[in-house]
C-alpha cells in the first residue's frame, strides 16, 4: 500500500462526514470511499485519536450514525469545514512570495488561527500530505524588507493618493523620480508589480516593486477611472508588460514544443489553428510581444514565428546573435 493512501482515504472520510449533517453509517462511508466497513471503522478510530471531533449517534435499533461536531469550527459568523482548514494549512507553500508583507501577515495570521483550532496531533498526522503536493517555486524576491513601501502603495490605492517614487530602470540602470497615481498591485509569478499612471507623462506604467528605491505618500489626490479593471487592463499582455496595440501572432511548434503547447493554455487568446501529427500552429492575440518573444525563443528551433513579419524578424535576429556569440566563444576557446 502506498504511504499516502490511508491519509487520502481518511481525508475523503472527513469530507464525507462534513456533508452529512445528521450523520451516516459506516456502510455508506465504506461504499463511498471504496473500502471495507472494518477499514472505515479503523480509520474513524485513528481520526478520533488524533483529535478530530468525530461523534456517533445510535439510532434504528442501536445502529451507529457517524458525523462531525458542527460547532467545532464555527466562531461567530465564520464557518469553515475541517478539510477547508486543512487545505489552507497544507497549501501554505503557495503563500511563500508574500511572506513578510502586509498580505503575507494576514495569511500567516489565518494559518496561526487554524493551528489553534485544529489539534496539533491532527496537523502532524496530515502533514505528510505535503509530499503529495510540493510547490517548487521559481526564484523570487524577499519582499519583507519592502513591507513599509507596499503598505504605503496600498494606502495610496485605497485613498486615491498620489505617490512620489524613485525607480531604477532595469534597461538603463538610471534612477528616475516620478509622481505616481497607483491603480493596484499585481502578483505575477514570484514578483509584485504596481500598475500606475504617470500624470506628468500622461501614460500608464507597470513598475516592479523591488525596483522602487523610495515611496512617499503625498497629500495630493487623483481620480481613478470608475470602470478600470486590472484584469481587463492586463488581458492582452502575455505576462505583465503594459498593453499596446493588438497584434495577431502565429507560431508553428514541432517536437516536444508542440506537445507543450497542446497541453497548456499559455494565454487566454491561444487557439490551435492547425494540429497535425508532427506540428501545431498556435494563434495568439497580444497587446505586447516583448515577453512573448522571450517565451518563443525558449523553444529554440522547435518554434517558428509565422506572423507578424516584424516579430519573426526580431526572433531571427536574436537567434543569429546567439549563434554568433557561441561561434566567437568556440573560436577563442
C-alpha atoms as a PDB file:
ATOM      1  CA  UNK A   1       0.000   0.000   0.000  1.00  0.00           C
ATOM      2  CA  UNK A   2       1.358   3.465  -0.919  1.00  0.00           C
ATOM      3  CA  UNK A   3       2.425   5.559   2.037  1.00  0.00           C
ATOM      4  CA  UNK A   4      -0.118   8.287   1.442  1.00  0.00           C
ATOM      5  CA  UNK A   5      -3.073   6.068   0.572  1.00  0.00           C
ATOM      6  CA  UNK A   6      -4.527   5.848   4.127  1.00  0.00           C
ATOM      7  CA  UNK A   7      -4.186   9.614   4.512  1.00  0.00           C
ATOM      8  CA  UNK A   8      -6.037  10.263   1.265  1.00  0.00           C
ATOM      9  CA  UNK A   9      -8.786   7.828   2.251  1.00  0.00           C
ATOM     10  CA  UNK A  10      -9.116   9.413   5.710  1.00  0.00           C
ATOM     11  CA  UNK A  11      -9.159  12.878   4.120  1.00  0.00           C
ATOM     12  CA  UNK A  12     -12.060  11.732   1.959  1.00  0.00           C
ATOM     13  CA  UNK A  13     -13.827  10.354   5.033  1.00  0.00           C
ATOM     14  CA  UNK A  14     -13.604  13.793   6.668  1.00  0.00           C
ATOM     15  CA  UNK A  15     -15.046  15.416   3.550  1.00  0.00           C
ATOM     16  CA  UNK A  16     -17.934  12.939   3.511  1.00  0.00           C
ATOM     17  CA  UNK A  17     -18.688  13.326   7.201  1.00  0.00           C
ATOM     18  CA  UNK A  18     -18.968  17.096   6.966  1.00  0.00           C
ATOM     19  CA  UNK A  19     -21.512  16.714   4.148  1.00  0.00           C
ATOM     20  CA  UNK A  20     -23.833  14.557   6.286  1.00  0.00           C
ATOM     21  CA  UNK A  21     -25.366  16.953   8.785  1.00  0.00           C
ATOM     22  CA  UNK A  22     -27.336  14.252  10.606  1.00  0.00           C
ATOM     23  CA  UNK A  23     -24.700  11.542  10.266  1.00  0.00           C
ATOM     24  CA  UNK A  24     -24.266   8.481   8.099  1.00  0.00           C
ATOM     25  CA  UNK A  25     -23.475   4.812   8.584  1.00  0.00           C
ATOM     26  CA  UNK A  26     -20.108   3.097   8.293  1.00  0.00           C
ATOM     27  CA  UNK A  27     -21.588   1.015   5.477  1.00  0.00           C
ATOM     28  CA  UNK A  28     -22.419   4.135   3.461  1.00  0.00           C
ATOM     29  CA  UNK A  29     -18.947   5.568   4.093  1.00  0.00           C
ATOM     30  CA  UNK A  30     -17.305   2.306   3.040  1.00  0.00           C
ATOM     31  CA  UNK A  31     -19.223   2.296  -0.224  1.00  0.00           C
ATOM     32  CA  UNK A  32     -18.329   5.911  -0.955  1.00  0.00           C
ATOM     33  CA  UNK A  33     -14.579   5.579  -0.315  1.00  0.00           C
ATOM     34  CA  UNK A  34     -14.299   2.091  -1.781  1.00  0.00           C
ATOM     35  CA  UNK A  35     -13.067   0.005   1.131  1.00  0.00           C
ATOM     36  CA  UNK A  36     -14.408  -2.393   3.767  1.00  0.00           C
ATOM     37  CA  UNK A  37     -16.619  -1.395   6.690  1.00  0.00           C
ATOM     38  CA  UNK A  38     -13.927  -2.697   9.046  1.00  0.00           C
ATOM     39  CA  UNK A  39     -11.349  -0.384   7.418  1.00  0.00           C
ATOM     40  CA  UNK A  40     -13.704   2.591   7.746  1.00  0.00           C
ATOM     41  CA  UNK A  41     -14.157   1.896  11.455  1.00  0.00           C
ATOM     42  CA  UNK A  42     -10.384   1.672  11.909  1.00  0.00           C
ATOM     43  CA  UNK A  43      -9.940   4.981  10.043  1.00  0.00           C
ATOM     44  CA  UNK A  44     -12.611   6.677  12.152  1.00  0.00           C
ATOM     45  CA  UNK A  45     -10.811   5.482  15.265  1.00  0.00           C
ATOM     46  CA  UNK A  46      -7.495   6.883  14.001  1.00  0.00           C
ATOM     47  CA  UNK A  47      -9.094  10.264  13.220  1.00  0.00           C
ATOM     48  CA  UNK A  48     -10.702  10.395  16.660  1.00  0.00           C
ATOM     49  CA  UNK A  49      -7.367   9.513  18.266  1.00  0.00           C
ATOM     50  CA  UNK A  50      -5.515  12.413  16.627  1.00  0.00           C
ATOM     51  CA  UNK A  51      -8.186  14.858  17.743  1.00  0.00           C
ATOM     52  CA  UNK A  52     -10.863  15.241  15.103  1.00  0.00           C
ATOM     53  CA  UNK A  53     -14.344  15.788  16.643  1.00  0.00           C
ATOM     54  CA  UNK A  54     -15.995  12.669  15.193  1.00  0.00           C
ATOM     55  CA  UNK A  55     -19.107  11.570  17.034  1.00  0.00           C
ATOM     56  CA  UNK A  56     -21.800   8.963  16.531  1.00  0.00           C
ATOM     57  CA  UNK A  57     -25.448   8.613  17.490  1.00  0.00           C
ATOM     58  CA  UNK A  58     -27.160   5.286  17.977  1.00  0.00           C
ATOM     59  CA  UNK A  59     -30.462   5.045  16.122  1.00  0.00           C
ATOM     60  CA  UNK A  60     -32.505   2.348  14.381  1.00  0.00           C
ATOM     61  CA  UNK A  61     -32.059  -0.395  16.989  1.00  0.00           C
ATOM     62  CA  UNK A  62     -28.543   0.630  18.031  1.00  0.00           C
ATOM     63  CA  UNK A  63     -27.029   1.319  14.591  1.00  0.00           C
ATOM     64  CA  UNK A  64     -24.316   3.980  14.679  1.00  0.00           C
ATOM     65  CA  UNK A  65     -24.519   7.121  12.550  1.00  0.00           C
ATOM     66  CA  UNK A  66     -21.210   8.986  12.324  1.00  0.00           C
ATOM     67  CA  UNK A  67     -20.805  12.751  11.972  1.00  0.00           C
ATOM     68  CA  UNK A  68     -18.537  15.712  12.732  1.00  0.00           C
ATOM     69  CA  UNK A  69     -19.326  18.068  15.601  1.00  0.00           C
ATOM     70  CA  UNK A  70     -20.929  21.069  13.922  1.00  0.00           C
ATOM     71  CA  UNK A  71     -19.761  23.682  16.421  1.00  0.00           C
ATOM     72  CA  UNK A  72     -16.102  22.660  16.228  1.00  0.00           C
ATOM     73  CA  UNK A  73     -15.121  25.148  13.508  1.00  0.00           C
ATOM     74  CA  UNK A  74     -17.885  27.708  13.947  1.00  0.00           C
ATOM     75  CA  UNK A  75     -16.965  31.049  15.502  1.00  0.00           C
ATOM     76  CA  UNK A  76     -19.332  33.991  15.255  1.00  0.00           C
ATOM     77  CA  UNK A  77     -20.300  34.423  11.614  1.00  0.00           C
ATOM     78  CA  UNK A  78     -17.329  32.460  10.254  1.00  0.00           C
ATOM     79  CA  UNK A  79     -17.819  28.838   9.325  1.00  0.00           C
ATOM     80  CA  UNK A  80     -15.027  26.692   7.927  1.00  0.00           C
ATOM     81  CA  UNK A  81     -15.073  22.961   7.483  1.00  0.00           C
ATOM     82  CA  UNK A  82     -12.292  20.763   8.820  1.00  0.00           C
ATOM     83  CA  UNK A  83     -10.982  19.933   5.350  1.00  0.00           C
ATOM     84  CA  UNK A  84     -11.132  23.584   4.295  1.00  0.00           C
ATOM     85  CA  UNK A  85      -8.857  24.463   7.199  1.00  0.00           C
ATOM     86  CA  UNK A  86      -6.539  21.563   6.459  1.00  0.00           C
ATOM     87  CA  UNK A  87      -6.392  22.584   2.795  1.00  0.00           C
ATOM     88  CA  UNK A  88      -5.382  26.126   3.739  1.00  0.00           C
ATOM     89  CA  UNK A  89      -2.766  24.842   6.142  1.00  0.00           C
ATOM     90  CA  UNK A  90      -1.258  22.340   3.722  1.00  0.00           C
ATOM     91  CA  UNK A  91      -1.170  24.862   0.857  1.00  0.00           C
ATOM     92  CA  UNK A  92       0.958  27.328   2.814  1.00  0.00           C
ATOM     93  CA  UNK A  93       3.800  26.730   0.317  1.00  0.00           C
ATOM     94  CA  UNK A  94       1.779  28.699  -2.216  1.00  0.00           C
ATOM     95  CA  UNK A  95       1.938  31.792   0.003  1.00  0.00           C
ATOM     96  CA  UNK A  96       5.734  31.979   0.074  1.00  0.00           C
ATOM     97  CA  UNK A  97       6.110  35.008  -2.284  1.00  0.00           C
ATOM     98  CA  UNK A  98       4.036  37.170   0.098  1.00  0.00           C
ATOM     99  CA  UNK A  99       5.904  36.242   3.284  1.00  0.00           C
ATOM    100  CA  UNK A 100       6.898  39.225   5.390  1.00  0.00           C
ATOM    101  CA  UNK A 101       4.476  41.643   3.712  1.00  0.00           C
ATOM    102  CA  UNK A 102       1.099  43.085   4.658  1.00  0.00           C
ATOM    103  CA  UNK A 103      -0.581  40.408   2.518  1.00  0.00           C
ATOM    104  CA  UNK A 104       1.543  37.617   3.948  1.00  0.00           C
ATOM    105  CA  UNK A 105       0.948  38.739   7.536  1.00  0.00           C
ATOM    106  CA  UNK A 106      -2.797  38.321   7.124  1.00  0.00           C
ATOM    107  CA  UNK A 107      -2.374  34.864   5.626  1.00  0.00           C
ATOM    108  CA  UNK A 108       0.105  33.865   8.331  1.00  0.00           C
ATOM    109  CA  UNK A 109      -2.357  35.071  10.970  1.00  0.00           C
ATOM    110  CA  UNK A 110      -5.098  32.916   9.423  1.00  0.00           C
ATOM    111  CA  UNK A 111      -2.784  29.895   9.475  1.00  0.00           C
ATOM    112  CA  UNK A 112      -1.897  30.582  13.120  1.00  0.00           C
ATOM    113  CA  UNK A 113      -5.606  30.591  13.989  1.00  0.00           C
ATOM    114  CA  UNK A 114      -6.095  27.318  12.143  1.00  0.00           C
ATOM    115  CA  UNK A 115      -3.261  25.788  14.146  1.00  0.00           C
ATOM    116  CA  UNK A 116      -5.021  26.775  17.378  1.00  0.00           C
ATOM    117  CA  UNK A 117      -8.372  25.380  16.214  1.00  0.00           C
ATOM    118  CA  UNK A 118      -7.120  22.023  14.963  1.00  0.00           C
ATOM    119  CA  UNK A 119      -5.400  19.610  17.349  1.00  0.00           C
ATOM    120  CA  UNK A 120      -1.622  19.527  16.904  1.00  0.00           C
ATOM    121  CA  UNK A 121      -1.722  15.746  16.525  1.00  0.00           C
ATOM    122  CA  UNK A 122      -4.187  16.134  13.636  1.00  0.00           C
ATOM    123  CA  UNK A 123      -1.942  18.636  11.841  1.00  0.00           C
ATOM    124  CA  UNK A 124       1.100  16.439  12.352  1.00  0.00           C
ATOM    125  CA  UNK A 125      -0.786  13.393  11.127  1.00  0.00           C
ATOM    126  CA  UNK A 126      -1.763  15.010   7.824  1.00  0.00           C
ATOM    127  CA  UNK A 127       1.461  16.987   7.320  1.00  0.00           C
ATOM    128  CA  UNK A 128       2.957  14.187   5.224  1.00  0.00           C
ATOM    129  CA  UNK A 129       0.390  15.080   2.548  1.00  0.00           C
ATOM    130  CA  UNK A 130       2.811  17.913   1.739  1.00  0.00           C
ATOM    131  CA  UNK A 131       4.817  15.234  -0.034  1.00  0.00           C
ATOM    132  CA  UNK A 132       1.839  14.662  -2.341  1.00  0.00           C
ATOM    133  CA  UNK A 133       1.707  18.364  -3.317  1.00  0.00           C
ATOM    134  CA  UNK A 134       5.066  20.087  -3.437  1.00  0.00           C
ATOM    135  CA  UNK A 135       5.182  23.618  -4.807  1.00  0.00           C
ATOM    136  CA  UNK A 136       8.585  24.136  -6.422  1.00  0.00           C
ATOM    137  CA  UNK A 137       8.857  27.884  -6.698  1.00  0.00           C
ATOM    138  CA  UNK A 138      10.817  29.872  -9.235  1.00  0.00           C
ATOM    139  CA  UNK A 139      13.474  32.297  -7.932  1.00  0.00           C
ATOM    140  CA  UNK A 140      11.707  35.090  -6.090  1.00  0.00           C
ATOM    141  CA  UNK A 141      12.371  38.356  -4.286  1.00  0.00           C
ATOM    142  CA  UNK A 142      12.242  38.729  -0.485  1.00  0.00           C
ATOM    143  CA  UNK A 143       9.660  41.475  -0.004  1.00  0.00           C
ATOM    144  CA  UNK A 144       9.876  41.546   3.801  1.00  0.00           C
ATOM    145  CA  UNK A 145      12.317  44.491   3.636  1.00  0.00           C
ATOM    146  CA  UNK A 146       9.825  46.433   1.481  1.00  0.00           C
ATOM    147  CA  UNK A 147       6.748  45.864   3.619  1.00  0.00           C
ATOM    148  CA  UNK A 148       6.608  49.588   4.509  1.00  0.00           C
ATOM    149  CA  UNK A 149       6.644  50.602   0.834  1.00  0.00           C
ATOM    150  CA  UNK A 150       3.971  48.003  -0.033  1.00  0.00           C
ATOM    151  CA  UNK A 151       1.747  49.283   2.783  1.00  0.00           C
ATOM    152  CA  UNK A 152       2.202  52.843   1.507  1.00  0.00           C
ATOM    153  CA  UNK A 153       1.232  51.801  -2.019  1.00  0.00           C
ATOM    154  CA  UNK A 154      -1.851  50.006  -0.692  1.00  0.00           C
ATOM    155  CA  UNK A 155      -2.871  53.067   1.279  1.00  0.00           C
ATOM    156  CA  UNK A 156      -2.401  55.265  -1.777  1.00  0.00           C
ATOM    157  CA  UNK A 157      -4.530  52.893  -3.881  1.00  0.00           C
ATOM    158  CA  UNK A 158      -7.296  52.805  -1.247  1.00  0.00           C
ATOM    159  CA  UNK A 159      -7.328  56.590  -0.729  1.00  0.00           C
ATOM    160  CA  UNK A 160      -6.545  57.626  -4.348  1.00  0.00           C
ATOM    161  CA  UNK A 161      -3.423  59.456  -3.162  1.00  0.00           C
ATOM    162  CA  UNK A 162      -0.526  60.474  -5.396  1.00  0.00           C
ATOM    163  CA  UNK A 163       2.889  58.985  -4.596  1.00  0.00           C
ATOM    164  CA  UNK A 164       6.381  60.326  -5.084  1.00  0.00           C
ATOM    165  CA  UNK A 165       8.687  57.475  -6.045  1.00  0.00           C
ATOM    166  CA  UNK A 166      12.288  56.800  -7.019  1.00  0.00           C
ATOM    167  CA  UNK A 167      12.600  53.974  -9.528  1.00  0.00           C
ATOM    168  CA  UNK A 168      15.597  52.171 -11.013  1.00  0.00           C
ATOM    169  CA  UNK A 169      15.235  51.243 -14.676  1.00  0.00           C
ATOM    170  CA  UNK A 170      16.257  47.671 -15.466  1.00  0.00           C
ATOM    171  CA  UNK A 171      17.085  48.636 -19.059  1.00  0.00           C
ATOM    172  CA  UNK A 172      19.317  51.669 -18.492  1.00  0.00           C
ATOM    173  CA  UNK A 173      20.151  51.416 -14.796  1.00  0.00           C
ATOM    174  CA  UNK A 174      19.146  55.071 -14.400  1.00  0.00           C
ATOM    175  CA  UNK A 175      17.164  56.246 -11.379  1.00  0.00           C
ATOM    176  CA  UNK A 176      14.035  58.313 -12.042  1.00  0.00           C
ATOM    177  CA  UNK A 177      11.828  60.385  -9.761  1.00  0.00           C
ATOM    178  CA  UNK A 178       8.140  60.355 -10.656  1.00  0.00           C
ATOM    179  CA  UNK A 179       4.742  61.355  -9.401  1.00  0.00           C
ATOM    180  CA  UNK A 180       2.589  58.230  -9.453  1.00  0.00           C
ATOM    181  CA  UNK A 181      -1.149  57.532  -9.406  1.00  0.00           C
ATOM    182  CA  UNK A 182      -1.286  53.860  -8.279  1.00  0.00           C
ATOM    183  CA  UNK A 183      -4.269  51.809  -9.515  1.00  0.00           C
ATOM    184  CA  UNK A 184      -3.361  48.476  -7.906  1.00  0.00           C
ATOM    185  CA  UNK A 185      -0.797  45.745  -7.218  1.00  0.00           C
ATOM    186  CA  UNK A 186      -0.417  42.563  -9.272  1.00  0.00           C
ATOM    187  CA  UNK A 187       1.288  39.331  -8.180  1.00  0.00           C
ATOM    188  CA  UNK A 188       2.734  37.716 -11.299  1.00  0.00           C
ATOM    189  CA  UNK A 189       4.887  34.641 -10.934  1.00  0.00           C
ATOM    190  CA  UNK A 190       7.050  35.347  -7.911  1.00  0.00           C
ATOM    191  CA  UNK A 191       7.114  39.159  -8.256  1.00  0.00           C
ATOM    192  CA  UNK A 192       4.904  42.096  -7.275  1.00  0.00           C
ATOM    193  CA  UNK A 193       4.099  44.895  -9.725  1.00  0.00           C
ATOM    194  CA  UNK A 194       2.385  48.248  -9.287  1.00  0.00           C
ATOM    195  CA  UNK A 195       0.100  49.333 -12.121  1.00  0.00           C
ATOM    196  CA  UNK A 196       0.020  53.115 -12.127  1.00  0.00           C
ATOM    197  CA  UNK A 197      -0.418  56.267 -14.186  1.00  0.00           C
ATOM    198  CA  UNK A 198       2.348  58.838 -14.515  1.00  0.00           C
ATOM    199  CA  UNK A 199       0.357  62.100 -14.684  1.00  0.00           C
ATOM    200  CA  UNK A 200       3.350  64.205 -15.781  1.00  0.00           C
ATOM    201  CA  UNK A 201       3.834  61.909 -18.789  1.00  0.00           C
ATOM    202  CA  UNK A 202       0.149  61.061 -19.280  1.00  0.00           C
ATOM    203  CA  UNK A 203       0.869  57.338 -19.624  1.00  0.00           C
ATOM    204  CA  UNK A 204       0.315  54.063 -17.811  1.00  0.00           C
ATOM    205  CA  UNK A 205       3.249  52.089 -16.411  1.00  0.00           C
ATOM    206  CA  UNK A 206       3.752  48.692 -14.752  1.00  0.00           C
ATOM    207  CA  UNK A 207       6.551  49.029 -12.204  1.00  0.00           C
ATOM    208  CA  UNK A 208       8.327  46.153 -10.496  1.00  0.00           C
ATOM    209  CA  UNK A 209       8.089  46.741  -6.753  1.00  0.00           C
ATOM    210  CA  UNK A 210      11.659  45.569  -5.985  1.00  0.00           C
ATOM    211  CA  UNK A 211      12.995  48.359  -8.227  1.00  0.00           C
ATOM    212  CA  UNK A 212      11.293  51.039  -6.143  1.00  0.00           C
ATOM    213  CA  UNK A 213      14.011  52.791  -4.132  1.00  0.00           C
ATOM    214  CA  UNK A 214      11.708  55.184  -2.303  1.00  0.00           C
ATOM    215  CA  UNK A 215       7.948  55.656  -1.872  1.00  0.00           C
ATOM    216  CA  UNK A 216       6.417  58.767  -0.303  1.00  0.00           C
ATOM    217  CA  UNK A 217       2.716  59.448   0.253  1.00  0.00           C
ATOM    218  CA  UNK A 218       1.616  62.965  -0.718  1.00  0.00           C
ATOM    219  CA  UNK A 219      -1.479  64.977   0.179  1.00  0.00           C
ATOM    220  CA  UNK A 220      -2.467  65.192  -3.480  1.00  0.00           C
ATOM    221  CA  UNK A 221      -5.358  63.016  -4.649  1.00  0.00           C
ATOM    222  CA  UNK A 222      -6.372  61.705  -8.068  1.00  0.00           C
ATOM    223  CA  UNK A 223      -9.494  60.287  -9.669  1.00  0.00           C
ATOM    224  CA  UNK A 224      -9.226  56.627 -10.620  1.00  0.00           C
ATOM    225  CA  UNK A 225     -11.433  55.699 -13.620  1.00  0.00           C
ATOM    226  CA  UNK A 226     -14.534  54.063 -12.157  1.00  0.00           C
ATOM    227  CA  UNK A 227     -14.521  51.294 -14.783  1.00  0.00           C
ATOM    228  CA  UNK A 228     -10.795  50.467 -14.580  1.00  0.00           C
ATOM    229  CA  UNK A 229     -10.073  46.753 -14.091  1.00  0.00           C
ATOM    230  CA  UNK A 230      -6.612  45.274 -13.539  1.00  0.00           C
ATOM    231  CA  UNK A 231      -7.776  42.038 -15.149  1.00  0.00           C
ATOM    232  CA  UNK A 232      -9.060  43.796 -18.257  1.00  0.00           C
ATOM    233  CA  UNK A 233      -6.012  46.077 -18.419  1.00  0.00           C
ATOM    234  CA  UNK A 234      -3.605  43.112 -18.494  1.00  0.00           C
ATOM    235  CA  UNK A 235      -5.812  40.860 -20.615  1.00  0.00           C
ATOM    236  CA  UNK A 236      -3.832  41.359 -23.821  1.00  0.00           C
ATOM    237  CA  UNK A 237      -0.373  41.062 -22.275  1.00  0.00           C
ATOM    238  CA  UNK A 238       1.486  37.757 -22.415  1.00  0.00           C
ATOM    239  CA  UNK A 239       2.861  38.445 -18.956  1.00  0.00           C
ATOM    240  CA  UNK A 240       2.912  41.738 -17.103  1.00  0.00           C
ATOM    241  CA  UNK A 241       4.147  44.319 -19.616  1.00  0.00           C
ATOM    242  CA  UNK A 242       1.880  47.270 -20.352  1.00  0.00           C
ATOM    243  CA  UNK A 243      -0.504  46.511 -23.226  1.00  0.00           C
ATOM    244  CA  UNK A 244      -0.226  48.373 -26.516  1.00  0.00           C
ATOM    245  CA  UNK A 245      -1.719  47.917 -29.964  1.00  0.00           C
ATOM    246  CA  UNK A 246      -3.226  44.457 -30.514  1.00  0.00           C
ATOM    247  CA  UNK A 247      -1.497  42.106 -32.958  1.00  0.00           C
ATOM    248  CA  UNK A 248      -2.204  38.522 -34.023  1.00  0.00           C
ATOM    249  CA  UNK A 249       0.821  36.242 -33.679  1.00  0.00           C
ATOM    250  CA  UNK A 250       1.082  32.807 -35.321  1.00  0.00           C
ATOM    251  CA  UNK A 251       3.775  30.310 -34.369  1.00  0.00           C
ATOM    252  CA  UNK A 252       4.497  26.805 -35.656  1.00  0.00           C
ATOM    253  CA  UNK A 253       5.670  24.411 -32.933  1.00  0.00           C
ATOM    254  CA  UNK A 254       7.233  20.986 -33.545  1.00  0.00           C
ATOM    255  CA  UNK A 255       8.519  18.095 -31.440  1.00  0.00           C
ATOM    256  CA  UNK A 256       8.330  18.490 -27.671  1.00  0.00           C
ATOM    257  CA  UNK A 257       7.275  22.142 -28.081  1.00  0.00           C
ATOM    258  CA  UNK A 258       4.105  21.061 -29.925  1.00  0.00           C
ATOM    259  CA  UNK A 259       3.225  18.717 -27.058  1.00  0.00           C
ATOM    260  CA  UNK A 260       3.787  21.526 -24.564  1.00  0.00           C
ATOM    261  CA  UNK A 261       1.531  23.955 -26.416  1.00  0.00           C
ATOM    262  CA  UNK A 262      -1.201  21.336 -26.836  1.00  0.00           C
ATOM    263  CA  UNK A 263      -1.219  20.607 -23.117  1.00  0.00           C
ATOM    264  CA  UNK A 264      -1.089  24.138 -21.687  1.00  0.00           C
ATOM    265  CA  UNK A 265      -3.154  27.281 -22.203  1.00  0.00           C
ATOM    266  CA  UNK A 266      -0.388  29.871 -22.156  1.00  0.00           C
ATOM    267  CA  UNK A 267      -2.672  32.827 -22.909  1.00  0.00           C
ATOM    268  CA  UNK A 268      -6.471  33.363 -22.851  1.00  0.00           C
ATOM    269  CA  UNK A 269      -6.475  34.046 -26.601  1.00  0.00           C
ATOM    270  CA  UNK A 270      -4.460  30.920 -27.524  1.00  0.00           C
ATOM    271  CA  UNK A 271      -6.060  28.862 -30.313  1.00  0.00           C
ATOM    272  CA  UNK A 272      -4.736  25.979 -32.364  1.00  0.00           C
ATOM    273  CA  UNK A 273      -5.172  27.000 -35.989  1.00  0.00           C
ATOM    274  CA  UNK A 274      -3.637  23.725 -37.193  1.00  0.00           C
ATOM    275  CA  UNK A 275      -2.854  20.476 -35.403  1.00  0.00           C
ATOM    276  CA  UNK A 276      -1.128  17.581 -37.131  1.00  0.00           C
ATOM    277  CA  UNK A 277       0.984  14.615 -36.054  1.00  0.00           C
ATOM    278  CA  UNK A 278       4.297  16.474 -36.338  1.00  0.00           C
ATOM    279  CA  UNK A 279       3.426  20.099 -35.516  1.00  0.00           C
ATOM    280  CA  UNK A 280       0.831  22.600 -34.338  1.00  0.00           C
ATOM    281  CA  UNK A 281       0.238  26.193 -35.403  1.00  0.00           C
ATOM    282  CA  UNK A 282      -0.940  28.315 -32.487  1.00  0.00           C
ATOM    283  CA  UNK A 283      -2.512  31.757 -32.766  1.00  0.00           C
ATOM    284  CA  UNK A 284      -2.373  34.475 -30.096  1.00  0.00           C
ATOM    285  CA  UNK A 285      -3.963  37.924 -29.865  1.00  0.00           C
ATOM    286  CA  UNK A 286      -1.486  40.109 -27.975  1.00  0.00           C
ATOM    287  CA  UNK A 287      -1.123  43.726 -26.962  1.00  0.00           C
ATOM    288  CA  UNK A 288       2.632  43.422 -26.341  1.00  0.00           C
ATOM    289  CA  UNK A 289       5.101  40.920 -27.813  1.00  0.00           C
ATOM    290  CA  UNK A 290       8.174  41.568 -25.635  1.00  0.00           C
ATOM    291  CA  UNK A 291       7.554  38.717 -23.190  1.00  0.00           C
ATOM    292  CA  UNK A 292       6.011  36.584 -25.922  1.00  0.00           C
ATOM    293  CA  UNK A 293       9.244  36.821 -27.933  1.00  0.00           C
ATOM    294  CA  UNK A 294      11.268  35.631 -24.927  1.00  0.00           C
ATOM    295  CA  UNK A 295       8.873  32.728 -24.467  1.00  0.00           C
ATOM    296  CA  UNK A 296       9.131  31.692 -28.138  1.00  0.00           C
ATOM    297  CA  UNK A 297      12.932  31.851 -28.008  1.00  0.00           C
ATOM    298  CA  UNK A 298      12.837  29.375 -25.134  1.00  0.00           C
ATOM    299  CA  UNK A 299      11.635  26.679 -27.551  1.00  0.00           C
ATOM    300  CA  UNK A 300      14.712  27.146 -29.771  1.00  0.00           C
ATOM    301  CA  UNK A 301      14.494  25.519 -33.209  1.00  0.00           C
ATOM    302  CA  UNK A 302      11.144  23.932 -32.335  1.00  0.00           C
ATOM    303  CA  UNK A 303       9.280  27.266 -32.665  1.00  0.00           C
ATOM    304  CA  UNK A 304       8.971  29.327 -35.867  1.00  0.00           C
ATOM    305  CA  UNK A 305       7.126  32.648 -35.905  1.00  0.00           C
ATOM    306  CA  UNK A 306       4.922  32.888 -38.980  1.00  0.00           C
ATOM    307  CA  UNK A 307       3.296  36.251 -38.252  1.00  0.00           C
ATOM    308  CA  UNK A 308       3.658  39.133 -37.860  1.00  0.00           C
ATOM    309  CA  UNK A 309       6.743  39.565 -40.048  1.00  0.00           C
ATOM    310  CA  UNK A 310       8.255  42.140 -37.670  1.00  0.00           C
ATOM    311  CA  UNK A 311       8.191  39.670 -34.791  1.00  0.00           C
ATOM    312  CA  UNK A 312       9.613  36.901 -36.984  1.00  0.00           C
ATOM    313  CA  UNK A 313      12.494  39.216 -37.881  1.00  0.00           C
ATOM    314  CA  UNK A 314      13.175  40.061 -34.237  1.00  0.00           C
ATOM    315  CA  UNK A 315      13.298  36.377 -33.267  1.00  0.00           C
ATOM    316  CA  UNK A 316      15.567  35.583 -36.221  1.00  0.00           C
ATOM    317  CA  UNK A 317      17.935  38.410 -35.231  1.00  0.00           C
ATOM    318  CA  UNK A 318      18.094  37.139 -31.642  1.00  0.00           C
ATOM    319  CA  UNK A 319      18.881  33.593 -32.781  1.00  0.00           C
ATOM    320  CA  UNK A 320      21.539  34.860 -35.218  1.00  0.00           C
ATOM    321  CA  UNK A 321      23.156  36.966 -32.490  1.00  0.00           C
ATOM    322  CA  UNK A 322      23.161  33.976 -30.134  1.00  0.00           C
ATOM    323  CA  UNK A 323      24.782  31.794 -32.815  1.00  0.00           C
ATOM    324  CA  UNK A 324      27.440  34.457 -33.451  1.00  0.00           C
ATOM    325  CA  UNK A 325      28.202  34.671 -29.721  1.00  0.00           C
ATOM    326  CA  UNK A 326      28.637  30.897 -29.427  1.00  0.00           C
ATOM    327  CA  UNK A 327      30.832  30.750 -32.549  1.00  0.00           C
ATOM    328  CA  UNK A 328      33.024  33.524 -31.133  1.00  0.00           C
ATOM    329  CA  UNK A 329      33.359  31.740 -27.785  1.00  0.00           C
ATOM    330  CA  UNK A 330      34.315  28.470 -29.516  1.00  0.00           C
ATOM    331  CA  UNK A 331      36.971  30.166 -31.626  1.00  0.00           C
ATOM    332  CA  UNK A 332      38.522  31.833 -28.576  1.00  0.00           C
ATOM    333  CA  UNK A 333      38.477  28.540 -26.685  1.00  0.00           C
END
